[in-house]
PDB file of N, CA and C in Angstrom:
ATOM      1  N   MET A   1     101.147  70.683 103.537  1.00  0.00           N
ATOM      2  CA  MET A   1     101.436  71.567 102.292  1.00  0.00           C
ATOM      3  C   MET A   1     102.563  71.630 102.098  1.00  0.00           C
ATOM      4  N   ASP A   2     103.155  71.622 101.006  1.00  0.00           N
ATOM      5  CA  ASP A   2     104.380  71.951 100.618  1.00  0.00           C
ATOM      6  C   ASP A   2     104.584  73.334 100.059  1.00  0.00           C
ATOM      7  N   CYS A   3     104.005  74.399 100.441  1.00  0.00           N
ATOM      8  CA  CYS A   3     103.980  75.738  99.998  1.00  0.00           C
ATOM      9  C   CYS A   3     105.289  76.278 100.844  1.00  0.00           C
ATOM     10  N   PHE A   4     105.562  76.137 101.775  1.00  0.00           N
ATOM     11  CA  PHE A   4     106.655  76.843 102.281  1.00  0.00           C
ATOM     12  C   PHE A   4     108.098  76.423 102.112  1.00  0.00           C
ATOM     13  N   HIS A   5     108.960  77.149 101.753  1.00  0.00           N
ATOM     14  CA  HIS A   5     110.402  77.056 101.442  1.00  0.00           C
ATOM     15  C   HIS A   5     111.078  77.627 102.340  1.00  0.00           C
ATOM     16  N   GLU A   6     112.110  77.196 102.965  1.00  0.00           N
ATOM     17  CA  GLU A   6     113.147  77.766 104.182  1.00  0.00           C
ATOM     18  C   GLU A   6     114.248  78.233 103.010  1.00  0.00           C
ATOM     19  N   GLY A   7     114.768  79.554 103.723  1.00  0.00           N
ATOM     20  CA  GLY A   7     115.920  80.218 103.531  1.00  0.00           C
ATOM     21  C   GLY A   7     116.936  80.026 104.429  1.00  0.00           C
ATOM     22  N   ASP A   8     117.930  80.575 104.525  1.00  0.00           N
ATOM     23  CA  ASP A   8     118.834  80.588 105.700  1.00  0.00           C
ATOM     24  C   ASP A   8     118.269  81.320 106.823  1.00  0.00           C
ATOM     25  N   ASN A   9     117.638  82.398 106.714  1.00  0.00           N
ATOM     26  CA  ASN A   9     116.934  83.451 107.898  1.00  0.00           C
ATOM     27  C   ASN A   9     115.731  83.590 107.806  1.00  0.00           C
ATOM     28  N   MET A  10     114.775  82.894 106.578  1.00  0.00           N
ATOM     29  CA  MET A  10     113.609  83.245 106.505  1.00  0.00           C
ATOM     30  C   MET A  10     112.688  82.349 105.768  1.00  0.00           C
ATOM     31  N   LEU A  11     111.373  82.262 105.852  1.00  0.00           N
ATOM     32  CA  LEU A  11     110.635  81.332 105.348  1.00  0.00           C
ATOM     33  C   LEU A  11     109.869  82.358 103.788  1.00  0.00           C
ATOM     34  N   VAL A  12     109.615  81.714 102.814  1.00  0.00           N
ATOM     35  CA  VAL A  12     108.478  82.189 101.737  1.00  0.00           C
ATOM     36  C   VAL A  12     107.852  81.415 101.576  1.00  0.00           C
ATOM     37  N   ILE A  13     106.626  81.381 100.991  1.00  0.00           N
ATOM     38  CA  ILE A  13     105.209  80.958 100.386  1.00  0.00           C
ATOM     39  C   ILE A  13     105.006  80.691  99.054  1.00  0.00           C
ATOM     40  N   ASP A  14     105.037  79.869  98.672  1.00  0.00           N
ATOM     41  CA  ASP A  14     104.790  79.577  97.150  1.00  0.00           C
ATOM     42  C   ASP A  14     103.255  79.609  97.028  1.00  0.00           C
ATOM     43  N   ALA A  15     103.091  80.694  96.272  1.00  0.00           N
ATOM     44  CA  ALA A  15     101.343  80.950  96.243  1.00  0.00           C
ATOM     45  C   ALA A  15     100.715  80.145  95.320  1.00  0.00           C
ATOM     46  N   GLY A  16     101.610  79.582  94.216  1.00  0.00           N
ATOM     47  CA  GLY A  16     100.937  78.484  93.434  1.00  0.00           C
ATOM     48  C   GLY A  16     100.606  76.688  94.050  1.00  0.00           C
ATOM     49  N   VAL A  17     101.260  76.977  95.414  1.00  0.00           N
ATOM     50  CA  VAL A  17     101.086  75.822  96.230  1.00  0.00           C
ATOM     51  C   VAL A  17     100.142  75.946  97.223  1.00  0.00           C
ATOM     52  N   CYS A  18     100.048  76.599  97.833  1.00  0.00           N
ATOM     53  CA  CYS A  18      99.380  77.384  98.885  1.00  0.00           C
ATOM     54  C   CYS A  18      97.836  77.257  98.404  1.00  0.00           C
ATOM     55  N   ILE A  19      96.914  76.634  99.202  1.00  0.00           N
ATOM     56  CA  ILE A  19      95.718  76.718  98.719  1.00  0.00           C
ATOM     57  C   ILE A  19      95.078  77.802  99.664  1.00  0.00           C
ATOM     58  N   HIS A  20      95.678  78.779 100.511  1.00  0.00           N
ATOM     59  CA  HIS A  20      94.892  79.912 101.009  1.00  0.00           C
ATOM     60  C   HIS A  20      94.030  79.550 101.984  1.00  0.00           C
ATOM     61  N   CYS A  21      94.345  78.663 102.698  1.00  0.00           N
ATOM     62  CA  CYS A  21      93.555  78.441 103.806  1.00  0.00           C
ATOM     63  C   CYS A  21      93.448  78.795 105.379  1.00  0.00           C
ATOM     64  N   GLY A  22      94.276  79.606 105.324  1.00  0.00           N
ATOM     65  CA  GLY A  22      94.577  80.696 106.624  1.00  0.00           C
ATOM     66  C   GLY A  22      95.276  79.508 107.503  1.00  0.00           C
ATOM     67  N   VAL A  23      95.335  78.364 107.775  1.00  0.00           N
ATOM     68  CA  VAL A  23      95.709  77.749 108.644  1.00  0.00           C
ATOM     69  C   VAL A  23      97.074  78.222 109.449  1.00  0.00           C
ATOM     70  N   CYS A  24      97.822  78.646 108.596  1.00  0.00           N
ATOM     71  CA  CYS A  24      99.265  79.280 108.900  1.00  0.00           C
ATOM     72  C   CYS A  24      99.424  80.546 109.253  1.00  0.00           C
ATOM     73  N   VAL A  25      98.467  81.361 109.235  1.00  0.00           N
ATOM     74  CA  VAL A  25      98.423  82.566 109.852  1.00  0.00           C
ATOM     75  C   VAL A  25      98.525  82.689 111.312  1.00  0.00           C
ATOM     76  N   PRO A  26      97.707  82.034 111.923  1.00  0.00           N
ATOM     77  CA  PRO A  26      97.902  82.278 113.675  1.00  0.00           C
ATOM     78  C   PRO A  26      99.161  81.290 114.118  1.00  0.00           C
ATOM     79  N   GLU A  27      99.526  80.365 113.151  1.00  0.00           N
ATOM     80  CA  GLU A  27     100.726  79.521 113.776  1.00  0.00           C
ATOM     81  C   GLU A  27     102.340  79.912 113.553  1.00  0.00           C
ATOM     82  N   CYS A  28     101.948  81.669 112.628  1.00  0.00           N
ATOM     83  CA  CYS A  28     103.342  82.112 112.498  1.00  0.00           C
ATOM     84  C   CYS A  28     103.836  83.178 114.075  1.00  0.00           C
ATOM     85  N   PRO A  29     104.971  82.911 114.756  1.00  0.00           N
ATOM     86  CA  PRO A  29     105.017  83.502 115.779  1.00  0.00           C
ATOM     87  C   PRO A  29     105.631  84.820 115.524  1.00  0.00           C
ATOM     88  N   ALA A  30     105.866  85.453 114.244  1.00  0.00           N
ATOM     89  CA  ALA A  30     106.223  86.476 114.166  1.00  0.00           C
ATOM     90  C   ALA A  30     105.250  87.453 113.204  1.00  0.00           C
ATOM     91  N   ASP A  31     103.920  86.860 113.141  1.00  0.00           N
ATOM     92  CA  ASP A  31     103.111  87.595 112.406  1.00  0.00           C
ATOM     93  C   ASP A  31     103.303  88.170 111.360  1.00  0.00           C
ATOM     94  N   ALA A  32     104.060  86.992 110.159  1.00  0.00           N
ATOM     95  CA  ALA A  32     104.472  87.776 109.351  1.00  0.00           C
ATOM     96  C   ALA A  32     103.788  87.349 107.963  1.00  0.00           C
ATOM     97  N   ILE A  33     103.110  86.728 107.975  1.00  0.00           N
ATOM     98  CA  ILE A  33     101.746  85.844 107.095  1.00  0.00           C
ATOM     99  C   ILE A  33     100.843  87.092 106.716  1.00  0.00           C
ATOM    100  N   LYS A  34     100.819  87.121 105.588  1.00  0.00           N
ATOM    101  CA  LYS A  34      99.711  88.308 105.011  1.00  0.00           C
ATOM    102  C   LYS A  34      98.753  87.806 103.973  1.00  0.00           C
ATOM    103  N   ARG A  35      98.120  88.571 103.841  1.00  0.00           N
ATOM    104  CA  ARG A  35      97.011  88.241 102.778  1.00  0.00           C
ATOM    105  C   ARG A  35      97.890  88.727 101.443  1.00  0.00           C
ATOM    106  N   ASP A  36      97.759  88.696 100.286  1.00  0.00           N
ATOM    107  CA  ASP A  36      98.167  89.091  99.179  1.00  0.00           C
ATOM    108  C   ASP A  36      97.760  90.269  98.212  1.00  0.00           C
ATOM    109  N   ASP A  37      96.480  90.231  99.119  1.00  0.00           N
ATOM    110  CA  ASP A  37      95.772  91.640  98.758  1.00  0.00           C
ATOM    111  C   ASP A  37      95.663  92.625  99.577  1.00  0.00           C
ATOM    112  N   GLU A  38      96.674  92.625 100.259  1.00  0.00           N
ATOM    113  CA  GLU A  38      96.586  93.932 101.148  1.00  0.00           C
ATOM    114  C   GLU A  38      97.522  94.949 100.476  1.00  0.00           C
ATOM    115  N   PRO A  39      97.562  95.917 100.741  1.00  0.00           N
ATOM    116  CA  PRO A  39      98.135  97.328 100.206  1.00  0.00           C
ATOM    117  C   PRO A  39      99.833  96.800 100.809  1.00  0.00           C
ATOM    118  N   ASN A  40     100.538  97.290  99.698  1.00  0.00           N
ATOM    119  CA  ASN A  40     101.875  97.296  99.686  1.00  0.00           C
ATOM    120  C   ASN A  40     102.879  96.047  99.708  1.00  0.00           C
ATOM    121  N   MET A  41     101.984  94.890  99.189  1.00  0.00           N
ATOM    122  CA  MET A  41     102.340  93.404  99.449  1.00  0.00           C
ATOM    123  C   MET A  41     103.238  93.213  97.685  1.00  0.00           C
ATOM    124  N   GLU A  42     103.333  93.772  96.829  1.00  0.00           N
ATOM    125  CA  GLU A  42     104.157  93.178  95.580  1.00  0.00           C
ATOM    126  C   GLU A  42     105.293  92.940  95.864  1.00  0.00           C
ATOM    127  N   ARG A  43     106.012  93.522  96.597  1.00  0.00           N
ATOM    128  CA  ARG A  43     107.389  93.218  96.885  1.00  0.00           C
ATOM    129  C   ARG A  43     107.691  91.736  97.641  1.00  0.00           C
ATOM    130  N   TRP A  44     106.513  92.023  98.163  1.00  0.00           N
ATOM    131  CA  TRP A  44     106.780  90.619  98.960  1.00  0.00           C
ATOM    132  C   TRP A  44     106.277  89.254  98.308  1.00  0.00           C
ATOM    133  N   LEU A  45     105.270  89.543  97.359  1.00  0.00           N
ATOM    134  CA  LEU A  45     105.025  88.750  96.400  1.00  0.00           C
ATOM    135  C   LEU A  45     106.022  88.121  95.352  1.00  0.00           C
ATOM    136  N   LEU A  46     106.778  89.256  94.970  1.00  0.00           N
ATOM    137  CA  LEU A  46     107.619  88.875  93.987  1.00  0.00           C
ATOM    138  C   LEU A  46     108.948  88.328  94.592  1.00  0.00           C
ATOM    139  N   LEU A  47     109.103  88.644  96.134  1.00  0.00           N
ATOM    140  CA  LEU A  47     110.025  87.780  96.742  1.00  0.00           C
ATOM    141  C   LEU A  47     109.604  86.173  97.008  1.00  0.00           C
ATOM    142  N   ASN A  48     108.655  86.304  97.547  1.00  0.00           N
ATOM    143  CA  ASN A  48     108.384  85.041  97.939  1.00  0.00           C
ATOM    144  C   ASN A  48     108.068  83.890  96.212  1.00  0.00           C
ATOM    145  N   ALA A  49     107.761  84.494  95.150  1.00  0.00           N
ATOM    146  CA  ALA A  49     107.778  83.643  93.892  1.00  0.00           C
ATOM    147  C   ALA A  49     109.514  83.557  93.262  1.00  0.00           C
ATOM    148  N   GLU A  50     110.124  84.460  93.919  1.00  0.00           N
ATOM    149  CA  GLU A  50     111.655  84.114  93.100  1.00  0.00           C
ATOM    150  C   GLU A  50     112.347  83.306  94.063  1.00  0.00           C
ATOM    151  N   TYR A  51     112.199  83.131  95.578  1.00  0.00           N
ATOM    152  CA  TYR A  51     112.808  82.304  96.586  1.00  0.00           C
ATOM    153  C   TYR A  51     112.200  81.077  96.639  1.00  0.00           C
ATOM    154  N   ALA A  52     110.790  80.763  96.461  1.00  0.00           N
ATOM    155  CA  ALA A  52     109.837  79.560  96.716  1.00  0.00           C
ATOM    156  C   ALA A  52     110.738  78.889  95.151  1.00  0.00           C
ATOM    157  N   ARG A  53     111.090  79.011  93.950  1.00  0.00           N
ATOM    158  CA  ARG A  53     111.725  78.149  93.262  1.00  0.00           C
ATOM    159  C   ARG A  53     113.243  77.847  93.591  1.00  0.00           C
ATOM    160  N   LEU A  54     113.811  78.766  94.538  1.00  0.00           N
ATOM    161  CA  LEU A  54     114.904  77.986  94.623  1.00  0.00           C
ATOM    162  C   LEU A  54     115.546  77.417  95.699  1.00  0.00           C
ATOM    163  N   TRP A  55     114.742  77.759  97.168  1.00  0.00           N
ATOM    164  CA  TRP A  55     114.775  76.888  98.210  1.00  0.00           C
ATOM    165  C   TRP A  55     114.124  75.595  98.461  1.00  0.00           C
ATOM    166  N   PRO A  56     114.617  74.884  99.106  1.00  0.00           N
ATOM    167  CA  PRO A  56     113.939  73.860  99.594  1.00  0.00           C
ATOM    168  C   PRO A  56     112.628  73.508 100.476  1.00  0.00           C
ATOM    169  N   VAL A  57     111.947  72.587  99.824  1.00  0.00           N
ATOM    170  CA  VAL A  57     110.513  72.638 100.564  1.00  0.00           C
ATOM    171  C   VAL A  57     110.881  72.381 101.829  1.00  0.00           C
ATOM    172  N   LEU A  58     109.967  73.272 103.114  1.00  0.00           N
ATOM    173  CA  LEU A  58     109.924  72.687 104.413  1.00  0.00           C
ATOM    174  C   LEU A  58     108.629  72.369 104.795  1.00  0.00           C
ATOM    175  N   ALA A  59     108.704  71.027 105.022  1.00  0.00           N
ATOM    176  CA  ALA A  59     107.508  70.306 105.103  1.00  0.00           C
ATOM    177  C   ALA A  59     106.797  70.054 106.367  1.00  0.00           C
ATOM    178  N   ARG A  60     107.817  70.275 107.566  1.00  0.00           N
ATOM    179  CA  ARG A  60     107.084  70.214 108.676  1.00  0.00           C
ATOM    180  C   ARG A  60     107.255  71.350 109.573  1.00  0.00           C
ATOM    181  N   LYS A  61     106.604  71.682 110.742  1.00  0.00           N
ATOM    182  CA  LYS A  61     106.536  73.089 111.414  1.00  0.00           C
ATOM    183  C   LYS A  61     107.935  72.426 112.454  1.00  0.00           C
ATOM    184  N   GLY A  62     108.565  73.765 112.210  1.00  0.00           N
ATOM    185  CA  GLY A  62     110.236  73.572 113.370  1.00  0.00           C
ATOM    186  C   GLY A  62     109.902  74.420 114.432  1.00  0.00           C
ATOM    187  N   GLU A  63     110.744  74.422 115.340  1.00  0.00           N
ATOM    188  CA  GLU A  63     111.003  75.819 116.439  1.00  0.00           C
ATOM    189  C   GLU A  63     111.564  76.931 116.043  1.00  0.00           C
ATOM    190  N   PRO A  64     110.591  77.643 116.440  1.00  0.00           N
ATOM    191  CA  PRO A  64     111.354  79.315 116.442  1.00  0.00           C
ATOM    192  C   PRO A  64     112.986  79.479 116.983  1.00  0.00           C
ATOM    193  N   PRO A  65     113.873  80.014 116.215  1.00  0.00           N
ATOM    194  CA  PRO A  65     115.020  80.097 116.954  1.00  0.00           C
ATOM    195  C   PRO A  65     114.904  80.999 118.283  1.00  0.00           C
ATOM    196  N   PRO A  66     116.016  80.508 119.210  1.00  0.00           N
ATOM    197  CA  PRO A  66     115.574  80.870 120.325  1.00  0.00           C
ATOM    198  C   PRO A  66     115.358  82.780 120.801  1.00  0.00           C
ATOM    199  N   ASP A  67     116.295  82.832 120.056  1.00  0.00           N
ATOM    200  CA  ASP A  67     116.055  84.809 119.660  1.00  0.00           C
ATOM    201  C   ASP A  67     114.864  85.266 119.164  1.00  0.00           C
ATOM    202  N   ALA A  68     114.120  84.783 118.261  1.00  0.00           N
ATOM    203  CA  ALA A  68     112.833  85.002 117.636  1.00  0.00           C
ATOM    204  C   ALA A  68     112.470  85.976 117.684  1.00  0.00           C
ATOM    205  N   LYS A  69     112.113  86.506 119.430  1.00  0.00           N
ATOM    206  CA  LYS A  69     111.346  87.682 119.992  1.00  0.00           C
ATOM    207  C   LYS A  69     111.973  88.857 119.797  1.00  0.00           C
ATOM    208  N   LEU A  70     113.212  88.695 120.136  1.00  0.00           N
ATOM    209  CA  LEU A  70     114.082  89.875 119.799  1.00  0.00           C
ATOM    210  C   LEU A  70     114.047  90.626 118.511  1.00  0.00           C
ATOM    211  N   TRP A  71     113.931  89.424 117.387  1.00  0.00           N
ATOM    212  CA  TRP A  71     113.873  90.093 116.145  1.00  0.00           C
ATOM    213  C   TRP A  71     112.642  90.866 115.680  1.00  0.00           C
ATOM    214  N   ASP A  72     111.843  90.454 116.160  1.00  0.00           N
ATOM    215  CA  ASP A  72     109.958  90.671 115.766  1.00  0.00           C
ATOM    216  C   ASP A  72     109.939  92.322 115.429  1.00  0.00           C
ATOM    217  N   GLN A  73     110.543  93.042 116.599  1.00  0.00           N
ATOM    218  CA  GLN A  73     110.367  94.445 116.215  1.00  0.00           C
ATOM    219  C   GLN A  73     111.738  95.305 115.655  1.00  0.00           C
ATOM    220  N   GLU A  74     112.551  94.533 115.011  1.00  0.00           N
ATOM    221  CA  GLU A  74     113.756  94.902 114.819  1.00  0.00           C
ATOM    222  C   GLU A  74     113.650  95.785 113.148  1.00  0.00           C
ATOM    223  N   PRO A  75     113.862  97.102 113.193  1.00  0.00           N
ATOM    224  CA  PRO A  75     113.385  97.806 112.245  1.00  0.00           C
ATOM    225  C   PRO A  75     114.284  97.446 111.240  1.00  0.00           C
ATOM    226  N   ASP A  76     113.986  97.738 110.112  1.00  0.00           N
ATOM    227  CA  ASP A  76     114.702  97.463 108.561  1.00  0.00           C
ATOM    228  C   ASP A  76     115.433  96.193 108.545  1.00  0.00           C
ATOM    229  N   LYS A  77     114.728  95.045 109.076  1.00  0.00           N
ATOM    230  CA  LYS A  77     115.734  93.878 109.163  1.00  0.00           C
ATOM    231  C   LYS A  77     116.083  92.934 108.037  1.00  0.00           C
ATOM    232  N   PHE A  78     114.889  93.236 107.076  1.00  0.00           N
ATOM    233  CA  PHE A  78     115.197  92.636 105.801  1.00  0.00           C
ATOM    234  C   PHE A  78     116.181  93.471 105.432  1.00  0.00           C
ATOM    235  N   GLU A  79     116.264  94.360 105.156  1.00  0.00           N
ATOM    236  CA  GLU A  79     117.565  95.172 104.250  1.00  0.00           C
ATOM    237  C   GLU A  79     118.570  94.982 104.837  1.00  0.00           C
ATOM    238  N   ARG A  80     118.595  94.695 106.023  1.00  0.00           N
ATOM    239  CA  ARG A  80     120.014  94.649 106.741  1.00  0.00           C
ATOM    240  C   ARG A  80     120.837  93.239 106.794  1.00  0.00           C
ATOM    241  N   PHE A  81     119.675  92.311 106.870  1.00  0.00           N
ATOM    242  CA  PHE A  81     119.911  91.059 107.307  1.00  0.00           C
ATOM    243  C   PHE A  81     119.755  89.757 106.619  1.00  0.00           C
ATOM    244  N   PHE A  82     118.772  90.047 105.441  1.00  0.00           N
ATOM    245  CA  PHE A  82     118.329  89.040 104.619  1.00  0.00           C
ATOM    246  C   PHE A  82     119.651  88.041 103.932  1.00  0.00           C
ATOM    247  N   SER A  83     119.391  87.055 103.608  1.00  0.00           N
ATOM    248  CA  SER A  83     120.128  86.090 103.450  1.00  0.00           C
ATOM    249  C   SER A  83     119.710  85.444 102.083  1.00  0.00           C
ATOM    250  N   SER A  84     119.984  85.169 101.070  1.00  0.00           N
ATOM    251  CA  SER A  84     119.719  84.677  99.930  1.00  0.00           C
ATOM    252  C   SER A  84     120.145  83.133  99.972  1.00  0.00           C
ATOM    253  N   ALA A  85     120.694  82.568 100.772  1.00  0.00           N
ATOM    254  CA  ALA A  85     121.437  81.714 100.669  1.00  0.00           C
ATOM    255  C   ALA A  85     120.012  80.469 101.232  1.00  0.00           C
ATOM    256  N   PRO A  86     120.142  79.644 100.581  1.00  0.00           N
ATOM    257  CA  PRO A  86     118.838  78.075 100.876  1.00  0.00           C
ATOM    258  C   PRO A  86     119.473  77.619 102.288  1.00  0.00           C
ATOM    259  N   GLY A  87     117.856  77.289 103.356  1.00  0.00           N
ATOM    260  CA  GLY A  87     118.104  76.604 104.259  1.00  0.00           C
ATOM    261  C   GLY A  87     118.214  75.047 104.027  1.00  0.00           C
ATOM    262  N   GLN A  88     117.965  74.728 105.107  1.00  0.00           N
ATOM    263  CA  GLN A  88     118.394  73.276 104.578  1.00  0.00           C
ATOM    264  C   GLN A  88     116.853  72.394 104.401  1.00  0.00           C
ATOM    265  N   GLY A  89     115.531  72.809 104.660  1.00  0.00           N
ATOM    266  CA  GLY A  89     114.288  72.371 104.291  1.00  0.00           C
ATOM    267  C   GLY A  89     114.162  71.176 105.173  1.00  0.00           C
ATOM    268  N   SER A  90     113.360  70.206 104.742  1.00  0.00           N
ATOM    269  CA  SER A  90     112.519  68.922 105.437  1.00  0.00           C
ATOM    270  C   SER A  90     111.516  68.369 105.163  1.00  0.00           C
TER     271      SER A  90
END
């Protein structure tokens, strides 16, 4: 599916393209993919919609960065490190 879009340091999902099959959920090493009907998801739904329009499609699974596990539990990482720059896509 072409629902993933790559930013400089995160991915977003285009809900209009996603078929909500759930295959990506266990594949996400950071446990970052949540159902859109979970509580407090409004912020993330808006962010995904905005950046899915701006960032390139990520059509194939890549390797997590070598330091990915270190970032999993980093508090407030979005507020401190989010980059609106696009990634390279594939």
